[in-house]
Amino acid sequence: MKINMPGLWQSDLVAQAVRDSIPKLDPRSLWRNPVMLAVEIGALLTTLISAGDIIQGRPYGFDAQISIWLWFTILFANFAEALAEGRGRAQAETLRSARSEAKAHRIIPGDRIEDVSALDLRKGDLVLVEDGGIIPGDGEISEGVALVDESAITGESAPVVREAGGNLSGVTGGTRVLSGKVTINITANPGETFLDQMIGMVESAKRQKTPNEKALEILLIGLT
């Protein structure tokens, strides 16, 4: 199992963001952002003024330019928000897919091994993980020592040593054993693992505005 997070500018994410940005023009979707709501109202008013100028034969260039810039501002803001939301959904789906595809070598009575899905593991199960294997769930190493690549979960590129006993026995589902052979006692049921918590945070966390978005909002407050 390898977790590959989606890039920000993937074509499918961009296309979906374009589609999602249109419904966000509904004022009911903008009430949480008073600045963008004010911009949209301004865009509507300047559009109506420009249309009236055209109908009555008056110069309309200045009003039309303001209207275009205001519509561009609101559409771009909606697109950026939809793109960020779409990437969050894609990240959650990637994590969920990685979790469901993981396999485990569960140790059963008689020291026999059976292959099961990581979703079938429960607290107290013992699993065997060897060179190149993926740790199928959160747990504690009860036997053996291994060099573990935790970059898929923590982002840390340097592998770490995990071994039975002491403070280095804890392992996280989704990480990879680079070398060694360990027996792991599973300590979390499905839905309680660190990977499940990551999925929950990605899906439920409120997106924080970027510095550029905050600067744009301050500028628009001044202009409006």
C-alpha atoms as a PDB file:
ATOM      1  CA  MET A   1       0.000   0.000   0.000  1.00  0.00           C
ATOM      2  CA  LYS A   2       1.462   3.318  -1.092  1.00  0.00           C
ATOM      3  CA  ILE A   3      -0.331   6.547  -0.278  1.00  0.00           C
ATOM      4  CA  ASN A   4      -0.039   9.056  -3.122  1.00  0.00           C
ATOM      5  CA  MET A   5      -1.734  12.326  -2.267  1.00  0.00           C
ATOM      6  CA  PRO A   6      -3.440  14.109  -5.179  1.00  0.00           C
ATOM      7  CA  GLY A   7      -1.724  17.153  -6.661  1.00  0.00           C
ATOM      8  CA  LEU A   8      -3.393  20.540  -6.515  1.00  0.00           C
ATOM      9  CA  TRP A   9      -3.565  21.022 -10.297  1.00  0.00           C
ATOM     10  CA  GLN A  10      -4.748  17.605 -11.426  1.00  0.00           C
ATOM     11  CA  SER A  11      -7.024  18.042 -14.439  1.00  0.00           C
ATOM     12  CA  ASP A  12      -9.963  16.211 -12.869  1.00  0.00           C
ATOM     13  CA  LEU A  13      -9.748  18.315  -9.694  1.00  0.00           C
ATOM     14  CA  VAL A  14      -9.567  21.539 -11.708  1.00  0.00           C
ATOM     15  CA  ALA A  15     -12.533  20.529 -13.885  1.00  0.00           C
ATOM     16  CA  GLN A  16     -14.613  19.633 -10.842  1.00  0.00           C
ATOM     17  CA  ALA A  17     -13.636  22.901  -9.149  1.00  0.00           C
ATOM     18  CA  VAL A  18     -14.852  24.844 -12.196  1.00  0.00           C
ATOM     19  CA  ARG A  19     -18.193  23.043 -12.015  1.00  0.00           C
ATOM     20  CA  ASP A  20     -18.474  23.526  -8.239  1.00  0.00           C
ATOM     21  CA  SER A  21     -17.638  27.238  -8.405  1.00  0.00           C
ATOM     22  CA  ILE A  22     -20.833  28.099 -10.317  1.00  0.00           C
ATOM     23  CA  PRO A  23     -23.336  27.005  -7.617  1.00  0.00           C
ATOM     24  CA  LYS A  24     -21.291  29.026  -5.127  1.00  0.00           C
ATOM     25  CA  LEU A  25     -22.614  32.178  -6.819  1.00  0.00           C
ATOM     26  CA  ASP A  26     -25.868  31.574  -4.951  1.00  0.00           C
ATOM     27  CA  PRO A  27     -26.043  34.299  -2.246  1.00  0.00           C
ATOM     28  CA  ARG A  28     -27.112  31.611   0.230  1.00  0.00           C
ATOM     29  CA  SER A  29     -23.671  30.056  -0.232  1.00  0.00           C
ATOM     30  CA  LEU A  30     -21.900  33.380   0.315  1.00  0.00           C
ATOM     31  CA  TRP A  31     -23.588  34.547   3.514  1.00  0.00           C
ATOM     32  CA  ARG A  32     -20.659  33.146   5.526  1.00  0.00           C
ATOM     33  CA  ASN A  33     -18.317  35.475   3.644  1.00  0.00           C
ATOM     34  CA  PRO A  34     -19.744  39.020   3.820  1.00  0.00           C
ATOM     35  CA  VAL A  35     -16.960  40.462   1.677  1.00  0.00           C
ATOM     36  CA  MET A  36     -17.606  38.116  -1.235  1.00  0.00           C
ATOM     37  CA  LEU A  37     -21.339  38.680  -0.849  1.00  0.00           C
ATOM     38  CA  ALA A  38     -20.763  42.439  -1.095  1.00  0.00           C
ATOM     39  CA  VAL A  39     -18.598  41.915  -4.184  1.00  0.00           C
ATOM     40  CA  GLU A  40     -21.326  39.866  -5.845  1.00  0.00           C
ATOM     41  CA  ILE A  41     -23.956  42.499  -5.056  1.00  0.00           C
ATOM     42  CA  GLY A  42     -21.626  45.122  -6.518  1.00  0.00           C
ATOM     43  CA  ALA A  43     -21.116  42.992  -9.627  1.00  0.00           C
ATOM     44  CA  LEU A  44     -24.877  42.658 -10.105  1.00  0.00           C
ATOM     45  CA  LEU A  45     -25.457  46.394  -9.660  1.00  0.00           C
ATOM     46  CA  THR A  46     -22.689  47.421 -12.065  1.00  0.00           C
ATOM     47  CA  THR A  47     -23.947  44.874 -14.596  1.00  0.00           C
ATOM     48  CA  LEU A  48     -27.440  46.380 -14.422  1.00  0.00           C
ATOM     49  CA  ILE A  49     -26.020  49.900 -14.706  1.00  0.00           C
ATOM     50  CA  SER A  50     -23.938  48.874 -17.743  1.00  0.00           C
ATOM     51  CA  ALA A  51     -26.979  47.266 -19.359  1.00  0.00           C
ATOM     52  CA  GLY A  52     -28.984  50.450 -18.768  1.00  0.00           C
ATOM     53  CA  ASP A  53     -26.222  52.550 -20.317  1.00  0.00           C
ATOM     54  CA  ILE A  54     -26.177  50.326 -23.403  1.00  0.00           C
ATOM     55  CA  ILE A  55     -29.952  50.449 -23.800  1.00  0.00           C
ATOM     56  CA  GLN A  56     -30.061  54.238 -23.459  1.00  0.00           C
ATOM     57  CA  GLY A  57     -27.045  54.808 -25.669  1.00  0.00           C
ATOM     58  CA  ARG A  58     -24.834  56.270 -22.940  1.00  0.00           C
ATOM     59  CA  PRO A  59     -21.097  55.515 -22.554  1.00  0.00           C
ATOM     60  CA  TYR A  60     -20.771  52.213 -20.727  1.00  0.00           C
ATOM     61  CA  GLY A  61     -17.080  51.340 -20.849  1.00  0.00           C
ATOM     62  CA  PHE A  62     -16.152  52.326 -17.288  1.00  0.00           C
ATOM     63  CA  ASP A  63     -19.116  50.585 -15.638  1.00  0.00           C
ATOM     64  CA  ALA A  64     -18.595  47.508 -17.819  1.00  0.00           C
ATOM     65  CA  GLN A  65     -14.936  47.258 -16.806  1.00  0.00           C
ATOM     66  CA  ILE A  66     -15.833  47.454 -13.117  1.00  0.00           C
ATOM     67  CA  SER A  67     -18.512  44.800 -13.617  1.00  0.00           C
ATOM     68  CA  ILE A  68     -16.073  42.458 -15.381  1.00  0.00           C
ATOM     69  CA  TRP A  69     -13.433  42.819 -12.667  1.00  0.00           C
ATOM     70  CA  LEU A  70     -15.952  42.223  -9.894  1.00  0.00           C
ATOM     71  CA  TRP A  71     -17.303  39.097 -11.593  1.00  0.00           C
ATOM     72  CA  PHE A  72     -13.755  37.876 -12.174  1.00  0.00           C
ATOM     73  CA  THR A  73     -12.970  38.399  -8.486  1.00  0.00           C
ATOM     74  CA  ILE A  74     -15.976  36.458  -7.215  1.00  0.00           C
ATOM     75  CA  LEU A  75     -15.539  33.637  -9.751  1.00  0.00           C
ATOM     76  CA  PHE A  76     -11.837  33.269  -8.974  1.00  0.00           C
ATOM     77  CA  ALA A  77     -12.517  33.222  -5.226  1.00  0.00           C
ATOM     78  CA  ASN A  78     -15.186  30.554  -5.691  1.00  0.00           C
ATOM     79  CA  PHE A  79     -12.865  28.518  -7.906  1.00  0.00           C
ATOM     80  CA  ALA A  80     -10.013  28.656  -5.367  1.00  0.00           C
ATOM     81  CA  GLU A  81     -12.327  27.554  -2.564  1.00  0.00           C
ATOM     82  CA  ALA A  82     -13.840  24.741  -4.648  1.00  0.00           C
ATOM     83  CA  LEU A  83     -10.354  23.550  -5.661  1.00  0.00           C
ATOM     84  CA  ALA A  84      -9.210  23.370  -2.031  1.00  0.00           C
ATOM     85  CA  GLU A  85     -12.380  21.523  -1.008  1.00  0.00           C
ATOM     86  CA  GLY A  86     -12.006  19.081  -3.905  1.00  0.00           C
ATOM     87  CA  ARG A  87      -8.410  18.322  -2.972  1.00  0.00           C
ATOM     88  CA  GLY A  88      -9.499  17.626   0.609  1.00  0.00           C
ATOM     89  CA  ARG A  89     -12.129  15.161  -0.602  1.00  0.00           C
ATOM     90  CA  ALA A  90      -9.582  13.495  -2.897  1.00  0.00           C
ATOM     91  CA  GLN A  91      -7.103  13.146  -0.023  1.00  0.00           C
ATOM     92  CA  ALA A  92      -9.740  11.496   2.148  1.00  0.00           C
ATOM     93  CA  GLU A  93     -10.644   9.100  -0.664  1.00  0.00           C
ATOM     94  CA  THR A  94      -6.970   8.232  -1.224  1.00  0.00           C
ATOM     95  CA  LEU A  95      -6.504   7.432   2.464  1.00  0.00           C
ATOM     96  CA  ARG A  96      -9.708   5.396   2.554  1.00  0.00           C
ATOM     97  CA  SER A  97      -8.672   3.401  -0.525  1.00  0.00           C
ATOM     98  CA  ALA A  98      -5.216   2.730   0.931  1.00  0.00           C
ATOM     99  CA  ARG A  99      -6.785   1.452   4.140  1.00  0.00           C
ATOM    100  CA  SER A 100      -9.222  -0.888   2.363  1.00  0.00           C
ATOM    101  CA  GLU A 101      -6.507  -2.369   0.097  1.00  0.00           C
ATOM    102  CA  ALA A 102      -4.089  -3.229   2.917  1.00  0.00           C
ATOM    103  CA  LYS A 103      -3.536  -6.938   3.642  1.00  0.00           C
ATOM    104  CA  ALA A 104      -2.291  -8.629   6.804  1.00  0.00           C
ATOM    105  CA  HIS A 105      -0.618 -11.929   7.748  1.00  0.00           C
ATOM    106  CA  ARG A 106      -2.551 -12.787  10.890  1.00  0.00           C
ATOM    107  CA  ILE A 107      -1.097 -15.390  13.254  1.00  0.00           C
ATOM    108  CA  ILE A 108      -3.695 -17.936  14.365  1.00  0.00           C
ATOM    109  CA  PRO A 109      -3.470 -20.802  16.906  1.00  0.00           C
ATOM    110  CA  GLY A 110      -0.863 -23.365  15.941  1.00  0.00           C
ATOM    111  CA  ASP A 111       1.480 -20.619  14.698  1.00  0.00           C
ATOM    112  CA  ARG A 112      -0.241 -20.698  11.345  1.00  0.00           C
ATOM    113  CA  ILE A 113      -0.591 -17.667   9.073  1.00  0.00           C
ATOM    114  CA  GLU A 114      -3.767 -16.546   7.342  1.00  0.00           C
ATOM    115  CA  ASP A 115      -4.057 -13.655   4.899  1.00  0.00           C
ATOM    116  CA  VAL A 116      -6.847 -11.233   5.790  1.00  0.00           C
ATOM    117  CA  SER A 117      -7.851  -7.676   5.006  1.00  0.00           C
ATOM    118  CA  ALA A 118      -6.514  -5.058   7.391  1.00  0.00           C
ATOM    119  CA  LEU A 119     -10.147  -4.082   8.006  1.00  0.00           C
ATOM    120  CA  ASP A 120     -10.733  -7.505   9.594  1.00  0.00           C
ATOM    121  CA  LEU A 121      -8.103  -6.999  12.295  1.00  0.00           C
ATOM    122  CA  ARG A 122      -9.200  -6.440  15.883  1.00  0.00           C
ATOM    123  CA  LYS A 123      -7.482  -5.503  19.125  1.00  0.00           C
ATOM    124  CA  GLY A 124      -5.336  -8.355  20.372  1.00  0.00           C
ATOM    125  CA  ASP A 125      -4.688  -9.905  16.948  1.00  0.00           C
ATOM    126  CA  LEU A 126      -1.087 -10.818  16.175  1.00  0.00           C
ATOM    127  CA  VAL A 127       0.272 -10.122  12.704  1.00  0.00           C
ATOM    128  CA  LEU A 128       3.583 -10.908  11.040  1.00  0.00           C
ATOM    129  CA  VAL A 129       5.298  -8.266   8.897  1.00  0.00           C
ATOM    130  CA  GLU A 130       8.512  -8.974   6.980  1.00  0.00           C
ATOM    131  CA  ASP A 131      10.861  -7.100   4.617  1.00  0.00           C
ATOM    132  CA  GLY A 132       8.927  -4.817   2.273  1.00  0.00           C
ATOM    133  CA  GLY A 133       5.630  -5.472   4.023  1.00  0.00           C
ATOM    134  CA  ILE A 134       3.069  -2.860   5.021  1.00  0.00           C
ATOM    135  CA  ILE A 135       2.111  -2.612   8.680  1.00  0.00           C
ATOM    136  CA  PRO A 136      -1.658  -3.239   8.476  1.00  0.00           C
ATOM    137  CA  GLY A 137      -2.752  -1.473  11.655  1.00  0.00           C
ATOM    138  CA  ASP A 138      -1.698   0.439  14.737  1.00  0.00           C
ATOM    139  CA  GLY A 139       0.014  -1.758  17.294  1.00  0.00           C
ATOM    140  CA  GLU A 140       2.977  -2.666  19.459  1.00  0.00           C
ATOM    141  CA  ILE A 141       5.873  -4.837  18.366  1.00  0.00           C
ATOM    142  CA  SER A 142       5.916  -7.893  20.608  1.00  0.00           C
ATOM    143  CA  GLU A 143       8.829  -9.635  18.911  1.00  0.00           C
ATOM    144  CA  GLY A 144      11.633  -8.626  16.554  1.00  0.00           C
ATOM    145  CA  VAL A 145      13.208  -5.431  15.278  1.00  0.00           C
ATOM    146  CA  ALA A 146      12.699  -3.580  11.995  1.00  0.00           C
ATOM    147  CA  LEU A 147      13.673  -0.476  10.061  1.00  0.00           C
ATOM    148  CA  VAL A 148      10.401   1.291   9.251  1.00  0.00           C
ATOM    149  CA  ASP A 149       9.612   3.887   6.587  1.00  0.00           C
ATOM    150  CA  GLU A 150       6.974   6.211   8.088  1.00  0.00           C
ATOM    151  CA  SER A 151       7.057   8.834   5.321  1.00  0.00           C
ATOM    152  CA  ALA A 152       3.595   7.907   4.003  1.00  0.00           C
ATOM    153  CA  ILE A 153       2.065   8.941   7.324  1.00  0.00           C
ATOM    154  CA  THR A 154       4.423  11.442   8.957  1.00  0.00           C
ATOM    155  CA  GLY A 155       6.188  12.872   5.894  1.00  0.00           C
ATOM    156  CA  GLU A 156       9.568  12.151   7.524  1.00  0.00           C
ATOM    157  CA  SER A 157      11.887  10.708   4.870  1.00  0.00           C
ATOM    158  CA  ALA A 158      14.417   9.100   7.228  1.00  0.00           C
ATOM    159  CA  PRO A 159      13.464   5.546   8.308  1.00  0.00           C
ATOM    160  CA  VAL A 160      13.269   4.774  12.018  1.00  0.00           C
ATOM    161  CA  VAL A 161      14.086   1.698  14.094  1.00  0.00           C
ATOM    162  CA  ARG A 162      11.175  -0.024  15.825  1.00  0.00           C
ATOM    163  CA  GLU A 163      11.704  -2.915  18.214  1.00  0.00           C
ATOM    164  CA  ALA A 164       9.994  -4.893  20.936  1.00  0.00           C
ATOM    165  CA  GLY A 165      10.067  -3.371  24.402  1.00  0.00           C
ATOM    166  CA  GLY A 166      10.726   0.192  25.482  1.00  0.00           C
ATOM    167  CA  ASN A 167       9.544   3.370  23.805  1.00  0.00           C
ATOM    168  CA  LEU A 168      10.263   2.254  20.245  1.00  0.00           C
ATOM    169  CA  SER A 169       7.711  -0.534  20.012  1.00  0.00           C
ATOM    170  CA  GLY A 170       4.754   1.505  18.729  1.00  0.00           C
ATOM    171  CA  VAL A 171       3.959   1.307  15.007  1.00  0.00           C
ATOM    172  CA  THR A 172       1.342   2.948  12.800  1.00  0.00           C
ATOM    173  CA  GLY A 173      -0.788   1.315  10.147  1.00  0.00           C
ATOM    174  CA  GLY A 174       0.204   2.290   6.606  1.00  0.00           C
ATOM    175  CA  THR A 175       3.946   2.432   7.274  1.00  0.00           C
ATOM    176  CA  ARG A 176       6.396   0.062   5.554  1.00  0.00           C
ATOM    177  CA  VAL A 177       8.991  -2.329   6.966  1.00  0.00           C
ATOM    178  CA  LEU A 178      12.186  -1.768   4.966  1.00  0.00           C
ATOM    179  CA  SER A 179      14.148  -4.523   6.668  1.00  0.00           C
ATOM    180  CA  GLY A 180      13.590  -6.907   9.528  1.00  0.00           C
ATOM    181  CA  LYS A 181      10.824  -9.183  10.716  1.00  0.00           C
ATOM    182  CA  VAL A 182       8.390  -8.287  13.487  1.00  0.00           C
ATOM    183  CA  THR A 183       5.333  -9.649  15.222  1.00  0.00           C
ATOM    184  CA  ILE A 184       2.831  -6.905  16.017  1.00  0.00           C
ATOM    185  CA  ASN A 185       0.050  -6.906  18.580  1.00  0.00           C
ATOM    186  CA  ILE A 186      -2.820  -4.858  17.116  1.00  0.00           C
ATOM    187  CA  THR A 187      -4.041  -2.182  19.545  1.00  0.00           C
ATOM    188  CA  ALA A 188      -6.809  -0.429  17.570  1.00  0.00           C
ATOM    189  CA  ASN A 189     -10.015  -1.653  15.971  1.00  0.00           C
ATOM    190  CA  PRO A 190     -11.104  -0.425  12.511  1.00  0.00           C
ATOM    191  CA  GLY A 191     -12.325   3.145  12.813  1.00  0.00           C
ATOM    192  CA  GLU A 192      -9.976   3.884  15.715  1.00  0.00           C
ATOM    193  CA  THR A 193      -6.609   3.862  13.939  1.00  0.00           C
ATOM    194  CA  PHE A 194      -4.390   6.853  13.222  1.00  0.00           C
ATOM    195  CA  LEU A 195      -5.223   6.492   9.517  1.00  0.00           C
ATOM    196  CA  ASP A 196      -8.954   6.652  10.314  1.00  0.00           C
ATOM    197  CA  GLN A 197      -8.343   9.780  12.377  1.00  0.00           C
ATOM    198  CA  MET A 198      -6.487  11.362   9.451  1.00  0.00           C
ATOM    199  CA  ILE A 199      -9.463  10.632   7.179  1.00  0.00           C
ATOM    200  CA  GLY A 200     -11.838  12.152   9.709  1.00  0.00           C
ATOM    201  CA  MET A 201      -9.743  15.301  10.074  1.00  0.00           C
ATOM    202  CA  VAL A 202      -9.447  15.779   6.312  1.00  0.00           C
ATOM    203  CA  GLU A 203     -13.195  15.392   5.839  1.00  0.00           C
ATOM    204  CA  SER A 204     -14.379  17.474   8.779  1.00  0.00           C
ATOM    205  CA  ALA A 205     -11.726  20.134   9.295  1.00  0.00           C
ATOM    206  CA  LYS A 206     -12.664  23.676   8.388  1.00  0.00           C
ATOM    207  CA  ARG A 207     -10.294  24.955   5.739  1.00  0.00           C
ATOM    208  CA  GLN A 208      -8.122  27.836   6.892  1.00  0.00           C
ATOM    209  CA  LYS A 209      -7.658  30.760   4.536  1.00  0.00           C
ATOM    210  CA  THR A 210      -4.237  31.174   2.956  1.00  0.00           C
ATOM    211  CA  PRO A 211      -2.247  34.419   3.479  1.00  0.00           C
ATOM    212  CA  ASN A 212      -3.081  35.457  -0.101  1.00  0.00           C
ATOM    213  CA  GLU A 213      -6.795  34.951   0.528  1.00  0.00           C
ATOM    214  CA  LYS A 214      -6.596  37.016   3.713  1.00  0.00           C
ATOM    215  CA  ALA A 215      -4.745  39.798   1.886  1.00  0.00           C
ATOM    216  CA  LEU A 216      -7.328  39.765  -0.908  1.00  0.00           C
ATOM    217  CA  GLU A 217     -10.150  39.954   1.623  1.00  0.00           C
ATOM    218  CA  ILE A 218      -8.541  42.963   3.339  1.00  0.00           C
ATOM    219  CA  LEU A 219      -8.145  44.676  -0.044  1.00  0.00           C
ATOM    220  CA  LEU A 220     -11.767  44.012  -0.960  1.00  0.00           C
ATOM    221  CA  ILE A 221     -12.955  45.306   2.404  1.00  0.00           C
ATOM    222  CA  GLY A 222     -11.164  48.564   1.652  1.00  0.00           C
ATOM    223  CA  LEU A 223     -12.570  48.773  -1.871  1.00  0.00           C
ATOM    224  CA  THR A 224     -16.131  48.004  -0.830  1.00  0.00           C
END
